[in-house]
Protein backbone atom coordinates (compact mmCIF):
# COMPACT_ATOMS: atom_id res chain seq x y z
CA MET A 1 -62.35 86.48 137.69
CA ILE A 2 -63.54 89.49 135.68
CA GLN A 3 -66.80 87.99 134.47
CA SER A 4 -68.04 87.36 138.03
CA LYS A 5 -69.52 90.85 138.29
CA PHE A 6 -71.69 90.03 135.27
CA GLN A 7 -72.20 86.34 136.10
CA SER A 8 -75.95 86.34 136.73
CA CYS A 9 -76.56 88.33 133.55
CA ILE A 10 -74.25 86.08 131.54
CA GLU A 11 -76.15 83.03 132.79
CA ALA A 12 -79.55 84.58 131.96
CA CYS A 13 -78.36 85.54 128.47
CA ARG A 14 -76.89 82.10 127.86
CA GLU A 15 -80.12 80.40 128.95
CA CYS A 16 -82.20 82.76 126.81
CA MET A 17 -80.02 82.13 123.77
CA VAL A 18 -80.49 78.37 124.02
CA ILE A 19 -84.23 78.58 124.67
CA CYS A 20 -84.77 81.04 121.81
CA ASN A 21 -83.00 78.68 119.42
CA GLN A 22 -85.10 75.78 120.70
CA CYS A 23 -88.28 77.83 120.31
CA ALA A 24 -87.42 78.78 116.72
CA THR A 25 -86.78 75.14 115.90
CA ALA A 26 -90.06 74.08 117.53
CA CYS A 27 -91.90 76.82 115.61
CA LEU A 28 -90.48 75.48 112.36
CA HIS A 29 -92.11 72.12 113.17
CA GLU A 30 -95.57 73.61 113.77
CA LYS A 31 -98.31 72.96 111.19
CA GLU A 32 -98.93 76.66 110.48
CA VAL A 33 -95.36 77.93 110.14
CA ALA A 34 -96.34 80.95 108.04
CA HIS A 35 -98.01 82.75 110.95
CA LEU A 36 -94.91 82.14 113.08
CA ARG A 37 -92.42 83.88 110.77
CA HIS A 38 -92.15 87.00 112.93
CA CYS A 39 -91.74 84.88 116.06
CA ILE A 40 -89.00 82.77 114.48
CA GLN A 41 -87.15 85.87 113.27
CA LEU A 42 -87.33 87.43 116.75
CA ASN A 43 -86.13 84.15 118.30
CA TRP A 44 -83.08 84.19 116.05
CA GLU A 45 -82.38 87.88 116.69
CA CYS A 46 -82.78 87.41 120.42
CA ALA A 47 -80.45 84.40 120.45
CA ALA A 48 -77.87 86.37 118.45
CA ILE A 49 -77.94 89.43 120.72
CA CYS A 50 -77.82 87.24 123.83
CA GLU A 51 -74.77 85.46 122.45
CA ALA A 52 -73.10 88.79 121.68
CA ALA A 53 -73.92 90.09 125.16
CA VAL A 54 -72.37 86.99 126.76
CA LYS A 55 -69.21 87.47 124.72
CA VAL A 56 -68.87 91.19 125.51
CA MET A 57 -69.58 90.76 129.23
CA SER A 58 -67.14 87.83 129.49
CA LEU A 59 -64.48 90.19 128.10
CA ASP A 60 -65.41 92.83 130.68
CA GLY A 61 -66.03 94.92 127.58
CA ARG A 62 -66.52 98.64 127.88
CA PHE A 63 -69.75 98.34 125.86
CA SER A 64 -71.29 95.74 128.19
CA LYS A 65 -73.85 98.23 129.47
CA GLU A 66 -74.88 99.30 125.98
CA ILE A 67 -75.19 95.79 124.58
CA CYS A 68 -77.26 94.78 127.59
CA ARG A 69 -79.64 97.67 126.97
CA THR A 70 -80.10 96.45 123.42
CA CYS A 71 -80.42 92.87 124.63
CA LYS A 72 -83.16 93.94 127.04
CA ALA A 73 -85.10 95.59 124.20
CA VAL A 74 -84.85 92.55 121.92
CA CYS A 75 -85.70 90.13 124.75
CA THR A 76 -88.75 92.22 125.65
CA ALA A 77 -89.97 92.20 122.03
CA CYS A 78 -89.38 88.46 121.75
CA ALA A 79 -91.21 87.81 125.04
CA GLU A 80 -94.21 89.82 123.85
CA GLU A 81 -94.35 87.96 120.54
CA CYS A 82 -93.92 84.53 122.13
CA GLN A 83 -96.54 85.29 124.76
CA GLN A 84 -99.13 85.73 121.99
CA HIS A 85 -98.42 82.20 120.76
CA ALA A 86 -98.19 80.82 124.30
CA SER A 87 -101.78 81.94 124.83
CA MET A 88 -102.69 79.69 121.89
CA GLY A 89 -101.20 76.66 123.65
CA MET A 90 -97.65 76.64 122.31
CA ASP A 91 -95.67 75.57 125.35
CA HIS A 92 -92.30 76.23 123.72
CA CYS A 93 -93.34 79.86 123.22
CA LYS A 94 -94.42 80.09 126.87
CA THR A 95 -91.02 78.79 128.00
CA CYS A 96 -89.29 81.21 125.64
CA ALA A 97 -91.33 84.21 126.82
CA GLU A 98 -90.41 83.41 130.42
CA ALA A 99 -86.69 83.08 129.60
CA CYS A 100 -86.76 86.33 127.62
CA ARG A 101 -88.38 88.19 130.52
CA ARG A 102 -85.77 86.82 132.96
CA CYS A 103 -82.99 87.88 130.61
CA ALA A 104 -84.50 91.35 130.11
CA ARG A 105 -84.63 91.82 133.90
CA ALA A 106 -81.03 90.62 134.31
CA CYS A 107 -79.85 92.97 131.54
CA GLU A 108 -81.73 95.87 133.09
CA GLU A 109 -80.14 95.20 136.49
CA MET A 110 -76.67 94.81 135.00
CA SER A 111 -76.84 97.95 132.88
CA ALA A 112 -78.10 99.95 135.85
CA ALA A 113 -75.36 98.65 138.15
CA ALA A 114 -72.35 98.52 135.81
């Protein structure tokens, strides 16, 4: 199967997409939503780029390397933002930051190896 060479990256991106969506939803239910706007926006962007990366890699697309570089950058930004909120006790942001870092590492490895 073509996607097997990208399988670990596909799985990391898929997990990150789901967790970013869950984090955005959890942020929307926080009492002080206004200070979470940037975090929510990054969650949505990260989920979108992860979904796109999964689709391109599953097609064995010739732009897999490029989209994974972009995915790494967005995941890194999202992890940094979520980590700030995690330090304030938001467990969903902690979980999201961890998933984003795993995805960024997987994208870095894939784009270096592809």
